[in-house]
Amino acid sequence: MGSYNKENQLAASEKHTELNQYHSIGEQLLHLARLTIGKHLQNEVIPRQPAKKQTLGNRSGVFVTLWGQSLTAENQAGTDYSELRGCIGHLHTSLPLQQAVQDAAIGAATRDPRFVPITPKELEAIQIEIAILSPLKVVNDLQQIVIGKHGLLIEGSSRRGLLLPKVALRMEWDQKAFVDGVCTKAGLPPGCWPGFSTLFSFTTIIFDERDLLDGIC
């Protein structure tokens, strides 16, 4: 029994250490993304970070999402950052993680074709979210998709679309609606899968400044 308890304590200690490492990495990457955007918007020299080995497991891509303050009347306190302001990333990248985050952060701030570029003043009212993506897995059945856990990528007819896991939660979609949503994102008709497209799932590690505001990290 004593050996069993020691093993449990050791596992719990290792898990706690891993979570602390994740939080530390997340804070560093969020700070780097904000610093990089600010420097870029001010036409200043962007500090290039040396590659560092990160304990994030087998990761494949990175996306940076920018959230502005909600414009609804209910957000009078200015604490609801739910207005999408930009999202750009790398599905696959050979760049070191820090440099991939920097490039995606600049892209989200200035190259998302759905939005006008953000301004230095606006950056003060923007919250940054970083999603680190796992390698892709082919989806053969709707039941392989877990809402809230999996993001989706679809490819077909020379088109591609991607939705992160949080989108399905925010839209309150089930698996079928999620697949139809990513089809639409790709410019494909709903129901295009499995007929003439290939569907992939992935998981994410999320680092979000809004969690820092709430004291979660």
N, C-alpha and C. Protein backbone atom coordinates (compact mmCIF):
# COMPACT_ATOMS: atom_id res chain seq x y z
N MET A 1 0.83 -1.21 0.00
CA MET A 1 0.00 0.00 0.00
C MET A 1 0.86 1.26 0.00
N GLY A 2 1.99 1.19 0.83
CA GLY A 2 2.86 2.35 0.90
C GLY A 2 3.49 2.67 -0.43
N SER A 3 3.90 1.64 -1.18
CA SER A 3 4.48 1.83 -2.50
C SER A 3 3.48 2.43 -3.47
N TYR A 4 2.21 1.97 -3.38
CA TYR A 4 1.15 2.47 -4.25
C TYR A 4 0.92 3.95 -4.00
N ASN A 5 0.88 4.37 -2.72
CA ASN A 5 0.67 5.77 -2.38
C ASN A 5 1.83 6.64 -2.87
N LYS A 6 3.05 6.12 -2.75
CA LYS A 6 4.21 6.89 -3.21
C LYS A 6 4.17 7.09 -4.72
N GLU A 7 3.73 6.04 -5.44
CA GLU A 7 3.63 6.15 -6.89
C GLU A 7 2.58 7.19 -7.28
N ASN A 8 1.45 7.19 -6.55
CA ASN A 8 0.41 8.18 -6.83
C ASN A 8 0.89 9.60 -6.54
N GLN A 9 1.61 9.75 -5.44
CA GLN A 9 2.13 11.07 -5.08
C GLN A 9 3.14 11.55 -6.12
N LEU A 10 3.99 10.61 -6.60
CA LEU A 10 4.98 10.98 -7.61
C LEU A 10 4.30 11.38 -8.90
N ALA A 11 3.25 10.63 -9.31
CA ALA A 11 2.53 10.95 -10.54
C ALA A 11 1.85 12.31 -10.42
N ALA A 12 1.26 12.58 -9.24
CA ALA A 12 0.58 13.86 -9.03
C ALA A 12 1.59 15.01 -9.06
N SER A 13 2.77 14.78 -8.48
CA SER A 13 3.81 15.81 -8.47
C SER A 13 4.32 16.09 -9.88
N GLU A 14 4.50 15.03 -10.68
CA GLU A 14 4.94 15.21 -12.05
C GLU A 14 3.90 15.95 -12.88
N LYS A 15 2.62 15.63 -12.65
CA LYS A 15 1.54 16.31 -13.37
C LYS A 15 1.50 17.78 -13.00
N HIS A 16 1.67 18.09 -11.71
CA HIS A 16 1.68 19.49 -11.25
C HIS A 16 2.83 20.25 -11.89
N THR A 17 4.01 19.60 -11.95
CA THR A 17 5.18 20.23 -12.56
C THR A 17 4.94 20.49 -14.04
N GLU A 18 4.30 19.51 -14.73
CA GLU A 18 4.01 19.67 -16.16
C GLU A 18 3.06 20.83 -16.39
N LEU A 19 2.00 20.95 -15.55
CA LEU A 19 1.05 22.04 -15.70
C LEU A 19 1.72 23.39 -15.48
N ASN A 20 2.60 23.47 -14.48
CA ASN A 20 3.33 24.71 -14.23
C ASN A 20 4.22 25.08 -15.41
N GLN A 21 4.84 24.07 -16.04
CA GLN A 21 5.67 24.32 -17.22
C GLN A 21 4.81 24.85 -18.36
N TYR A 22 3.62 24.25 -18.56
CA TYR A 22 2.71 24.70 -19.60
C TYR A 22 2.32 26.15 -19.38
N HIS A 23 1.96 26.49 -18.14
CA HIS A 23 1.55 27.86 -17.83
C HIS A 23 2.70 28.83 -18.08
N SER A 24 3.90 28.44 -17.69
CA SER A 24 5.06 29.30 -17.89
C SER A 24 5.32 29.52 -19.38
N ILE A 25 5.27 28.43 -20.16
CA ILE A 25 5.46 28.54 -21.61
C ILE A 25 4.38 29.41 -22.22
N GLY A 26 3.13 29.22 -21.76
CA GLY A 26 2.02 30.00 -22.29
C GLY A 26 2.19 31.48 -22.03
N GLU A 27 2.58 31.84 -20.82
CA GLU A 27 2.78 33.25 -20.50
C GLU A 27 3.89 33.85 -21.35
N GLN A 28 4.97 33.09 -21.57
CA GLN A 28 6.07 33.58 -22.38
C GLN A 28 5.64 33.80 -23.83
N LEU A 29 4.87 32.84 -24.37
CA LEU A 29 4.44 32.96 -25.77
C LEU A 29 3.43 34.10 -25.95
N LEU A 30 2.53 34.27 -25.00
CA LEU A 30 1.56 35.37 -25.09
C LEU A 30 2.27 36.72 -25.01
N HIS A 31 3.24 36.82 -24.12
CA HIS A 31 4.02 38.07 -24.01
C HIS A 31 4.76 38.33 -25.31
N LEU A 32 5.35 37.27 -25.89
CA LEU A 32 6.09 37.41 -27.14
C LEU A 32 5.16 37.85 -28.27
N ALA A 33 3.96 37.27 -28.34
CA ALA A 33 3.01 37.64 -29.40
C ALA A 33 2.62 39.11 -29.29
N ARG A 34 2.33 39.56 -28.07
CA ARG A 34 1.93 40.97 -27.88
C ARG A 34 3.09 41.91 -28.19
N LEU A 35 4.28 41.58 -27.73
CA LEU A 35 5.45 42.40 -28.01
C LEU A 35 5.71 42.50 -29.51
N THR A 36 5.58 41.36 -30.20
CA THR A 36 5.85 41.31 -31.63
C THR A 36 4.85 42.16 -32.41
N ILE A 37 3.57 42.04 -32.07
CA ILE A 37 2.55 42.85 -32.76
C ILE A 37 2.81 44.33 -32.54
N GLY A 38 3.10 44.68 -31.30
CA GLY A 38 3.35 46.09 -30.98
C GLY A 38 4.53 46.65 -31.75
N LYS A 39 5.62 45.90 -31.79
CA LYS A 39 6.81 46.35 -32.52
C LYS A 39 6.50 46.49 -34.01
N HIS A 40 5.76 45.52 -34.56
CA HIS A 40 5.44 45.55 -35.99
C HIS A 40 4.57 46.76 -36.33
N LEU A 41 3.58 47.03 -35.50
CA LEU A 41 2.68 48.15 -35.78
C LEU A 41 3.38 49.49 -35.65
N GLN A 42 4.42 49.53 -34.85
CA GLN A 42 5.18 50.78 -34.68
C GLN A 42 6.38 50.86 -35.63
N ASN A 43 6.47 49.87 -36.56
CA ASN A 43 7.59 49.82 -37.51
C ASN A 43 8.94 49.79 -36.80
N GLU A 44 8.98 49.09 -35.68
CA GLU A 44 10.22 48.93 -34.93
C GLU A 44 10.81 47.54 -35.20
N VAL A 45 12.06 47.37 -34.83
CA VAL A 45 12.74 46.09 -35.04
C VAL A 45 12.08 45.02 -34.16
N ILE A 46 11.73 43.91 -34.78
CA ILE A 46 11.09 42.82 -34.05
C ILE A 46 12.16 41.88 -33.52
N PRO A 47 12.19 41.65 -32.22
CA PRO A 47 13.20 40.75 -31.67
C PRO A 47 12.95 39.32 -32.11
N ARG A 48 13.93 38.69 -32.72
CA ARG A 48 13.83 37.30 -33.12
C ARG A 48 14.33 36.41 -31.98
N GLN A 49 13.48 35.49 -31.59
CA GLN A 49 13.78 34.67 -30.44
C GLN A 49 14.59 33.43 -30.84
N PRO A 50 15.60 33.09 -30.04
CA PRO A 50 16.34 31.85 -30.32
C PRO A 50 15.44 30.64 -30.10
N ALA A 51 15.65 29.60 -30.88
CA ALA A 51 14.84 28.38 -30.74
C ALA A 51 15.09 27.75 -29.37
N LYS A 52 14.01 27.38 -28.71
CA LYS A 52 14.10 26.71 -27.42
C LYS A 52 13.32 25.41 -27.47
N LYS A 53 13.82 24.41 -26.77
CA LYS A 53 13.11 23.15 -26.70
C LYS A 53 11.93 23.31 -25.75
N GLN A 54 10.72 23.02 -26.22
CA GLN A 54 9.52 23.18 -25.41
C GLN A 54 8.91 21.82 -25.11
N THR A 55 8.36 21.67 -23.91
CA THR A 55 7.77 20.39 -23.49
C THR A 55 6.28 20.39 -23.80
N LEU A 56 5.96 20.49 -25.09
CA LEU A 56 4.56 20.52 -25.49
C LEU A 56 4.17 19.27 -26.27
N GLY A 57 5.00 18.24 -26.22
CA GLY A 57 4.66 17.01 -26.91
C GLY A 57 4.80 17.14 -28.42
N ASN A 58 4.12 16.27 -29.12
CA ASN A 58 4.21 16.24 -30.59
C ASN A 58 3.24 17.24 -31.18
N ARG A 59 3.74 18.41 -31.54
CA ARG A 59 2.89 19.48 -32.06
C ARG A 59 3.17 19.70 -33.54
N SER A 60 2.19 20.19 -34.26
CA SER A 60 2.32 20.32 -35.71
C SER A 60 2.19 21.75 -36.20
N GLY A 61 1.24 22.53 -35.67
CA GLY A 61 0.98 23.87 -36.18
C GLY A 61 0.66 24.84 -35.06
N VAL A 62 0.46 26.10 -35.44
CA VAL A 62 0.14 27.13 -34.46
C VAL A 62 -0.77 28.17 -35.10
N PHE A 63 -1.78 28.61 -34.35
CA PHE A 63 -2.67 29.68 -34.78
C PHE A 63 -2.74 30.73 -33.68
N VAL A 64 -2.83 31.99 -34.10
CA VAL A 64 -3.01 33.10 -33.16
C VAL A 64 -4.33 33.77 -33.48
N THR A 65 -5.16 33.94 -32.46
CA THR A 65 -6.46 34.59 -32.60
C THR A 65 -6.47 35.86 -31.74
N LEU A 66 -7.01 36.93 -32.31
CA LEU A 66 -7.14 38.19 -31.59
C LEU A 66 -8.61 38.44 -31.28
N TRP A 67 -8.89 38.80 -30.02
CA TRP A 67 -10.26 39.04 -29.58
C TRP A 67 -10.41 40.48 -29.11
N GLY A 68 -11.42 41.17 -29.65
CA GLY A 68 -11.73 42.52 -29.22
C GLY A 68 -12.89 42.51 -28.24
N GLN A 69 -13.14 43.65 -27.63
CA GLN A 69 -14.24 43.76 -26.68
C GLN A 69 -15.58 43.64 -27.39
N SER A 70 -16.48 42.89 -26.79
CA SER A 70 -17.82 42.75 -27.34
C SER A 70 -18.51 44.10 -27.39
N LEU A 71 -19.28 44.33 -28.45
CA LEU A 71 -19.98 45.60 -28.64
C LEU A 71 -21.41 45.57 -28.12
N THR A 72 -21.78 44.50 -27.43
CA THR A 72 -23.15 44.39 -26.92
C THR A 72 -23.36 45.29 -25.72
N ALA A 73 -24.61 45.63 -25.48
CA ALA A 73 -24.96 46.50 -24.35
C ALA A 73 -24.63 45.84 -23.02
N GLU A 74 -24.63 44.49 -23.00
CA GLU A 74 -24.36 43.78 -21.75
C GLU A 74 -22.90 43.91 -21.32
N ASN A 75 -22.03 44.37 -22.22
CA ASN A 75 -20.60 44.44 -21.91
C ASN A 75 -20.18 45.83 -21.48
N GLN A 76 -20.98 46.48 -20.66
CA GLN A 76 -20.68 47.84 -20.22
C GLN A 76 -19.40 47.89 -19.39
N ALA A 77 -19.09 46.79 -18.71
CA ALA A 77 -17.88 46.77 -17.89
C ALA A 77 -16.63 46.59 -18.74
N GLY A 78 -16.80 46.22 -20.01
CA GLY A 78 -15.66 46.07 -20.90
C GLY A 78 -14.80 44.86 -20.61
N THR A 79 -15.39 43.82 -20.03
CA THR A 79 -14.62 42.63 -19.67
C THR A 79 -14.91 41.44 -20.58
N ASP A 80 -15.81 41.60 -21.54
CA ASP A 80 -16.16 40.50 -22.44
C ASP A 80 -15.40 40.67 -23.75
N TYR A 81 -14.37 39.83 -23.91
CA TYR A 81 -13.56 39.87 -25.13
C TYR A 81 -13.98 38.69 -26.01
N SER A 82 -15.06 38.87 -26.76
CA SER A 82 -15.59 37.78 -27.58
C SER A 82 -15.80 38.18 -29.03
N GLU A 83 -15.28 39.36 -29.41
CA GLU A 83 -15.44 39.84 -30.78
C GLU A 83 -14.20 39.46 -31.59
N LEU A 84 -14.37 38.51 -32.52
CA LEU A 84 -13.23 38.07 -33.32
C LEU A 84 -12.64 39.25 -34.10
N ARG A 85 -11.31 39.38 -34.00
CA ARG A 85 -10.65 40.51 -34.65
C ARG A 85 -9.57 40.08 -35.63
N GLY A 86 -9.26 38.79 -35.63
CA GLY A 86 -8.27 38.28 -36.57
C GLY A 86 -7.81 36.90 -36.15
N CYS A 87 -7.52 36.04 -37.12
CA CYS A 87 -7.01 34.70 -36.83
C CYS A 87 -6.21 34.20 -38.02
N ILE A 88 -4.93 33.95 -37.79
CA ILE A 88 -4.02 33.46 -38.83
C ILE A 88 -3.09 32.44 -38.17
N GLY A 89 -2.67 31.46 -38.96
CA GLY A 89 -1.74 30.49 -38.38
C GLY A 89 -1.07 29.63 -39.42
N HIS A 90 -0.31 28.67 -38.93
CA HIS A 90 0.40 27.70 -39.74
C HIS A 90 -0.15 26.32 -39.41
N LEU A 91 -0.65 25.63 -40.41
CA LEU A 91 -1.10 24.26 -40.20
C LEU A 91 0.09 23.33 -40.02
N HIS A 92 1.09 23.52 -40.82
CA HIS A 92 2.37 22.81 -40.69
C HIS A 92 3.46 23.86 -40.79
N THR A 93 4.46 23.74 -39.95
CA THR A 93 5.55 24.70 -40.02
C THR A 93 6.84 24.07 -39.56
N SER A 94 7.93 24.45 -40.22
CA SER A 94 9.25 24.00 -39.81
C SER A 94 9.93 25.05 -38.93
N LEU A 95 9.24 26.17 -38.72
CA LEU A 95 9.79 27.23 -37.87
C LEU A 95 9.81 26.78 -36.41
N PRO A 96 10.79 27.24 -35.64
CA PRO A 96 10.73 27.04 -34.19
C PRO A 96 9.44 27.67 -33.65
N LEU A 97 8.93 27.14 -32.55
CA LEU A 97 7.65 27.57 -32.03
C LEU A 97 7.57 29.08 -31.81
N GLN A 98 8.61 29.65 -31.21
CA GLN A 98 8.57 31.08 -30.93
C GLN A 98 8.44 31.90 -32.21
N GLN A 99 9.18 31.53 -33.24
CA GLN A 99 9.13 32.28 -34.50
C GLN A 99 7.80 32.06 -35.21
N ALA A 100 7.25 30.85 -35.11
CA ALA A 100 5.94 30.58 -35.71
C ALA A 100 4.86 31.42 -35.04
N VAL A 101 4.94 31.57 -33.72
CA VAL A 101 3.99 32.41 -32.99
C VAL A 101 4.12 33.86 -33.42
N GLN A 102 5.35 34.34 -33.58
CA GLN A 102 5.56 35.72 -34.00
C GLN A 102 4.96 35.98 -35.37
N ASP A 103 5.20 35.07 -36.31
CA ASP A 103 4.68 35.26 -37.66
C ASP A 103 3.15 35.20 -37.67
N ALA A 104 2.58 34.25 -36.93
CA ALA A 104 1.12 34.15 -36.89
C ALA A 104 0.49 35.35 -36.19
N ALA A 105 1.16 35.88 -35.18
CA ALA A 105 0.64 37.05 -34.47
C ALA A 105 0.57 38.26 -35.39
N ILE A 106 1.64 38.48 -36.15
CA ILE A 106 1.64 39.59 -37.11
C ILE A 106 0.55 39.38 -38.16
N GLY A 107 0.40 38.14 -38.62
CA GLY A 107 -0.62 37.84 -39.60
C GLY A 107 -2.02 38.09 -39.09
N ALA A 108 -2.30 37.67 -37.87
CA ALA A 108 -3.62 37.88 -37.29
C ALA A 108 -3.93 39.37 -37.14
N ALA A 109 -2.90 40.16 -36.86
CA ALA A 109 -3.09 41.60 -36.66
C ALA A 109 -3.20 42.38 -37.95
N THR A 110 -2.60 41.85 -39.03
CA THR A 110 -2.48 42.68 -40.25
C THR A 110 -2.86 41.99 -41.56
N ARG A 111 -2.98 40.65 -41.56
CA ARG A 111 -3.16 39.98 -42.84
C ARG A 111 -4.44 39.16 -42.96
N ASP A 112 -5.29 39.18 -41.95
CA ASP A 112 -6.56 38.45 -42.06
C ASP A 112 -7.47 39.23 -43.01
N PRO A 113 -7.82 38.67 -44.18
CA PRO A 113 -8.58 39.44 -45.18
C PRO A 113 -9.99 39.80 -44.74
N ARG A 114 -10.46 39.22 -43.66
CA ARG A 114 -11.82 39.52 -43.18
C ARG A 114 -11.89 40.82 -42.39
N PHE A 115 -10.73 41.34 -41.99
CA PHE A 115 -10.72 42.50 -41.10
C PHE A 115 -9.70 43.54 -41.56
N VAL A 116 -9.93 44.79 -41.19
CA VAL A 116 -8.91 45.81 -41.40
C VAL A 116 -7.82 45.57 -40.37
N PRO A 117 -6.57 45.92 -40.68
CA PRO A 117 -5.49 45.74 -39.71
C PRO A 117 -5.76 46.50 -38.42
N ILE A 118 -5.32 45.95 -37.32
CA ILE A 118 -5.51 46.64 -36.05
C ILE A 118 -4.50 47.78 -35.95
N THR A 119 -4.79 48.73 -35.10
CA THR A 119 -3.93 49.89 -34.89
C THR A 119 -3.20 49.75 -33.56
N PRO A 120 -2.10 50.50 -33.39
CA PRO A 120 -1.39 50.44 -32.10
C PRO A 120 -2.30 50.75 -30.92
N LYS A 121 -3.20 51.73 -31.08
CA LYS A 121 -4.12 52.07 -30.00
C LYS A 121 -5.08 50.92 -29.71
N GLU A 122 -5.55 50.28 -30.77
CA GLU A 122 -6.52 49.20 -30.59
C GLU A 122 -5.89 48.00 -29.88
N LEU A 123 -4.58 47.80 -30.06
CA LEU A 123 -3.91 46.66 -29.44
C LEU A 123 -4.10 46.64 -27.94
N GLU A 124 -4.24 47.82 -27.34
CA GLU A 124 -4.43 47.90 -25.89
C GLU A 124 -5.73 47.21 -25.45
N ALA A 125 -6.71 47.15 -26.36
CA ALA A 125 -8.01 46.56 -26.02
C ALA A 125 -8.21 45.20 -26.70
N ILE A 126 -7.10 44.56 -27.06
CA ILE A 126 -7.15 43.24 -27.71
C ILE A 126 -6.61 42.19 -26.76
N GLN A 127 -7.26 41.03 -26.73
CA GLN A 127 -6.74 39.89 -25.99
C GLN A 127 -6.27 38.83 -26.99
N ILE A 128 -5.17 38.18 -26.66
CA ILE A 128 -4.52 37.25 -27.59
C ILE A 128 -4.71 35.81 -27.13
N GLU A 129 -5.00 34.95 -28.09
CA GLU A 129 -5.12 33.51 -27.83
C GLU A 129 -4.19 32.77 -28.79
N ILE A 130 -3.45 31.81 -28.26
CA ILE A 130 -2.55 30.99 -29.06
C ILE A 130 -2.99 29.54 -28.98
N ALA A 131 -3.15 28.91 -30.13
CA ALA A 131 -3.51 27.49 -30.19
C ALA A 131 -2.36 26.71 -30.82
N ILE A 132 -1.84 25.74 -30.09
CA ILE A 132 -0.79 24.87 -30.59
C ILE A 132 -1.45 23.57 -31.02
N LEU A 133 -1.31 23.22 -32.30
CA LEU A 133 -2.05 22.10 -32.88
C LEU A 133 -1.26 20.80 -32.86
N SER A 134 -2.00 19.71 -32.66
CA SER A 134 -1.43 18.37 -32.77
C SER A 134 -1.34 17.97 -34.24
N PRO A 135 -0.64 16.87 -34.55
CA PRO A 135 -0.70 16.33 -35.92
C PRO A 135 -2.14 15.95 -36.28
N LEU A 136 -2.42 15.92 -37.57
CA LEU A 136 -3.77 15.63 -38.06
C LEU A 136 -4.05 14.14 -38.06
N LYS A 137 -5.34 13.80 -37.84
CA LYS A 137 -5.81 12.42 -37.95
C LYS A 137 -7.02 12.40 -38.88
N VAL A 138 -7.04 11.44 -39.80
CA VAL A 138 -8.15 11.32 -40.73
C VAL A 138 -9.41 10.90 -39.97
N VAL A 139 -10.53 11.55 -40.28
CA VAL A 139 -11.82 11.22 -39.68
C VAL A 139 -12.61 10.38 -40.67
N ASN A 140 -13.06 9.21 -40.23
CA ASN A 140 -13.86 8.33 -41.08
C ASN A 140 -15.30 8.22 -40.63
N ASP A 141 -15.58 8.71 -39.42
CA ASP A 141 -16.93 8.59 -38.86
C ASP A 141 -17.19 9.79 -37.95
N LEU A 142 -18.43 10.30 -37.98
CA LEU A 142 -18.78 11.44 -37.15
C LEU A 142 -18.51 11.20 -35.67
N GLN A 143 -18.68 9.95 -35.24
CA GLN A 143 -18.52 9.65 -33.82
C GLN A 143 -17.07 9.76 -33.35
N GLN A 144 -16.14 9.90 -34.29
CA GLN A 144 -14.74 10.12 -33.92
C GLN A 144 -14.50 11.57 -33.50
N ILE A 145 -15.45 12.45 -33.75
CA ILE A 145 -15.31 13.86 -33.42
C ILE A 145 -15.88 14.12 -32.03
N VAL A 146 -15.07 14.66 -31.15
CA VAL A 146 -15.50 15.03 -29.80
C VAL A 146 -15.60 16.55 -29.74
N ILE A 147 -16.83 17.05 -29.59
CA ILE A 147 -17.05 18.50 -29.54
C ILE A 147 -16.32 19.09 -28.33
N GLY A 148 -15.59 20.16 -28.57
CA GLY A 148 -14.83 20.80 -27.51
C GLY A 148 -13.40 20.31 -27.41
N LYS A 149 -13.14 19.12 -27.92
CA LYS A 149 -11.79 18.56 -27.90
C LYS A 149 -11.13 18.67 -29.26
N HIS A 150 -11.87 18.38 -30.32
CA HIS A 150 -11.30 18.32 -31.65
C HIS A 150 -11.59 19.57 -32.48
N GLY A 151 -10.59 20.01 -33.23
CA GLY A 151 -10.81 20.95 -34.31
C GLY A 151 -10.86 20.15 -35.60
N LEU A 152 -11.29 20.80 -36.68
CA LEU A 152 -11.45 20.09 -37.95
C LEU A 152 -10.76 20.84 -39.09
N LEU A 153 -10.22 20.05 -40.00
CA LEU A 153 -9.69 20.55 -41.26
C LEU A 153 -10.32 19.74 -42.38
N ILE A 154 -10.78 20.40 -43.42
CA ILE A 154 -11.34 19.69 -44.56
C ILE A 154 -10.63 20.12 -45.83
N GLU A 155 -10.40 19.17 -46.72
CA GLU A 155 -9.75 19.45 -48.00
C GLU A 155 -10.54 18.78 -49.11
N GLY A 156 -10.77 19.51 -50.19
CA GLY A 156 -11.48 18.96 -51.33
C GLY A 156 -11.62 19.98 -52.43
N SER A 157 -11.60 19.53 -53.67
CA SER A 157 -11.76 20.42 -54.82
C SER A 157 -10.81 21.62 -54.76
N SER A 158 -9.57 21.34 -54.36
CA SER A 158 -8.52 22.38 -54.27
C SER A 158 -8.86 23.46 -53.26
N ARG A 159 -9.72 23.14 -52.30
CA ARG A 159 -10.08 24.08 -51.24
C ARG A 159 -9.75 23.47 -49.88
N ARG A 160 -9.56 24.35 -48.92
CA ARG A 160 -9.22 23.91 -47.57
C ARG A 160 -9.85 24.85 -46.55
N GLY A 161 -10.36 24.29 -45.47
CA GLY A 161 -10.92 25.10 -44.40
C GLY A 161 -10.61 24.48 -43.05
N LEU A 162 -10.43 25.32 -42.05
CA LEU A 162 -10.08 24.85 -40.71
C LEU A 162 -10.89 25.61 -39.68
N LEU A 163 -11.36 24.89 -38.67
CA LEU A 163 -12.03 25.50 -37.52
C LEU A 163 -11.44 24.92 -36.25
N LEU A 164 -11.11 25.79 -35.31
CA LEU A 164 -10.56 25.37 -34.03
C LEU A 164 -11.65 24.78 -33.13
N PRO A 165 -11.28 23.99 -32.12
CA PRO A 165 -12.27 23.31 -31.28
C PRO A 165 -13.29 24.25 -30.63
N LYS A 166 -12.86 25.44 -30.22
CA LYS A 166 -13.76 26.34 -29.50
C LYS A 166 -14.92 26.83 -30.36
N VAL A 167 -14.76 26.78 -31.68
CA VAL A 167 -15.82 27.27 -32.57
C VAL A 167 -17.09 26.46 -32.38
N ALA A 168 -16.94 25.14 -32.31
CA ALA A 168 -18.12 24.28 -32.16
C ALA A 168 -18.83 24.55 -30.84
N LEU A 169 -18.06 24.82 -29.78
CA LEU A 169 -18.67 25.14 -28.49
C LEU A 169 -19.39 26.48 -28.54
N ARG A 170 -18.74 27.48 -29.15
CA ARG A 170 -19.33 28.81 -29.20
C ARG A 170 -20.61 28.82 -30.02
N MET A 171 -20.65 28.02 -31.09
CA MET A 171 -21.81 27.96 -31.97
C MET A 171 -22.85 26.93 -31.52
N GLU A 172 -22.49 26.16 -30.47
CA GLU A 172 -23.38 25.12 -29.94
C GLU A 172 -23.74 24.09 -31.02
N TRP A 173 -22.72 23.66 -31.76
CA TRP A 173 -22.89 22.70 -32.85
C TRP A 173 -22.74 21.28 -32.35
N ASP A 174 -23.45 20.35 -33.00
CA ASP A 174 -23.15 18.93 -32.84
C ASP A 174 -22.14 18.54 -33.92
N GLN A 175 -21.81 17.25 -34.00
CA GLN A 175 -20.77 16.83 -34.95
C GLN A 175 -21.12 17.18 -36.40
N LYS A 176 -22.37 16.91 -36.79
CA LYS A 176 -22.76 17.16 -38.18
C LYS A 176 -22.69 18.65 -38.51
N ALA A 177 -23.21 19.48 -37.60
CA ALA A 177 -23.17 20.92 -37.84
C ALA A 177 -21.74 21.43 -37.89
N PHE A 178 -20.86 20.83 -37.08
CA PHE A 178 -19.45 21.23 -37.07
C PHE A 178 -18.82 20.92 -38.43
N VAL A 179 -19.10 19.73 -38.96
CA VAL A 179 -18.56 19.36 -40.27
C VAL A 179 -19.12 20.28 -41.36
N ASP A 180 -20.41 20.56 -41.31
CA ASP A 180 -20.99 21.48 -42.29
C ASP A 180 -20.36 22.86 -42.17
N GLY A 181 -20.06 23.26 -40.93
CA GLY A 181 -19.44 24.57 -40.72
C GLY A 181 -18.06 24.67 -41.32
N VAL A 182 -17.27 23.60 -41.18
CA VAL A 182 -15.92 23.65 -41.75
C VAL A 182 -15.97 23.53 -43.27
N CYS A 183 -17.01 22.83 -43.79
CA CYS A 183 -17.20 22.82 -45.24
C CYS A 183 -17.45 24.24 -45.76
N THR A 184 -18.34 24.95 -45.08
CA THR A 184 -18.64 26.33 -45.47
C THR A 184 -17.41 27.21 -45.37
N LYS A 185 -16.60 27.01 -44.32
CA LYS A 185 -15.38 27.79 -44.15
C LYS A 185 -14.44 27.59 -45.35
N ALA A 186 -14.44 26.39 -45.91
CA ALA A 186 -13.58 26.08 -47.05
C ALA A 186 -14.17 26.53 -48.37
N GLY A 187 -15.41 27.02 -48.34
CA GLY A 187 -16.07 27.38 -49.59
C GLY A 187 -16.66 26.18 -50.30
N LEU A 188 -16.88 25.11 -49.54
CA LEU A 188 -17.49 23.89 -50.06
C LEU A 188 -18.94 23.80 -49.58
N PRO A 189 -19.79 23.09 -50.30
CA PRO A 189 -21.18 23.00 -49.88
C PRO A 189 -21.33 22.10 -48.65
N PRO A 190 -22.25 22.43 -47.74
CA PRO A 190 -22.53 21.53 -46.62
C PRO A 190 -22.88 20.14 -47.15
N GLY A 191 -22.38 19.13 -46.46
CA GLY A 191 -22.62 17.77 -46.91
C GLY A 191 -21.58 17.26 -47.90
N CYS A 192 -20.51 18.06 -48.13
CA CYS A 192 -19.49 17.64 -49.09
C CYS A 192 -18.68 16.46 -48.59
N TRP A 193 -18.70 16.25 -47.30
CA TRP A 193 -18.00 15.10 -46.72
C TRP A 193 -19.01 14.04 -46.33
N PRO A 194 -18.72 12.77 -46.65
CA PRO A 194 -17.46 12.22 -47.15
C PRO A 194 -17.40 12.09 -48.67
N GLY A 195 -18.33 12.70 -49.38
CA GLY A 195 -18.42 12.48 -50.82
C GLY A 195 -17.17 12.80 -51.61
N PHE A 196 -16.72 14.06 -51.57
CA PHE A 196 -15.57 14.42 -52.41
C PHE A 196 -14.56 15.27 -51.63
N SER A 197 -14.43 14.99 -50.35
CA SER A 197 -13.46 15.72 -49.53
C SER A 197 -12.89 14.79 -48.46
N THR A 198 -11.78 15.21 -47.88
CA THR A 198 -11.14 14.47 -46.80
C THR A 198 -11.19 15.31 -45.53
N LEU A 199 -11.58 14.68 -44.43
CA LEU A 199 -11.76 15.38 -43.16
C LEU A 199 -10.70 14.91 -42.17
N PHE A 200 -10.11 15.88 -41.47
CA PHE A 200 -9.09 15.59 -40.46
C PHE A 200 -9.50 16.22 -39.13
N SER A 201 -9.08 15.61 -38.04
CA SER A 201 -9.26 16.22 -36.72
C SER A 201 -7.91 16.49 -36.09
N PHE A 202 -7.92 17.36 -35.10
CA PHE A 202 -6.70 17.66 -34.35
C PHE A 202 -7.11 18.16 -32.98
N THR A 203 -6.19 18.12 -32.05
CA THR A 203 -6.41 18.71 -30.72
C THR A 203 -5.53 19.94 -30.58
N THR A 204 -5.77 20.71 -29.55
CA THR A 204 -4.99 21.94 -29.35
C THR A 204 -4.60 22.10 -27.89
N ILE A 205 -3.48 22.76 -27.69
CA ILE A 205 -3.13 23.34 -26.38
C ILE A 205 -3.39 24.83 -26.52
N ILE A 206 -4.21 25.38 -25.64
CA ILE A 206 -4.63 26.78 -25.73
C ILE A 206 -3.97 27.61 -24.64
N PHE A 207 -3.39 28.73 -25.05
CA PHE A 207 -2.90 29.75 -24.13
C PHE A 207 -3.67 31.03 -24.44
N ASP A 208 -4.34 31.59 -23.44
CA ASP A 208 -5.30 32.68 -23.69
C ASP A 208 -5.12 33.77 -22.65
N GLU A 209 -4.91 35.01 -23.11
CA GLU A 209 -4.77 36.13 -22.17
C GLU A 209 -6.04 36.34 -21.35
N ARG A 210 -7.17 35.95 -21.89
CA ARG A 210 -8.42 36.10 -21.14
C ARG A 210 -8.43 35.22 -19.92
N ASP A 211 -7.75 34.08 -19.97
CA ASP A 211 -7.61 33.23 -18.80
C ASP A 211 -6.71 33.91 -17.75
N LEU A 212 -5.70 34.63 -18.21
CA LEU A 212 -4.84 35.36 -17.28
C LEU A 212 -5.63 36.43 -16.55
N LEU A 213 -6.55 37.09 -17.29
CA LEU A 213 -7.40 38.10 -16.66
C LEU A 213 -8.27 37.49 -15.56
N ASP A 214 -8.72 36.23 -15.82
CA ASP A 214 -9.60 35.56 -14.86
C ASP A 214 -8.82 34.84 -13.78
N GLY A 215 -7.49 34.90 -13.84
CA GLY A 215 -6.68 34.24 -12.82
C GLY A 215 -6.61 32.74 -12.98
N ILE A 216 -6.88 32.22 -14.18
CA ILE A 216 -6.84 30.77 -14.38
C ILE A 216 -5.42 30.28 -14.51
N CYS A 217 -4.59 31.04 -15.21
CA CYS A 217 -3.19 30.64 -15.38
C CYS A 217 -2.32 31.30 -14.33
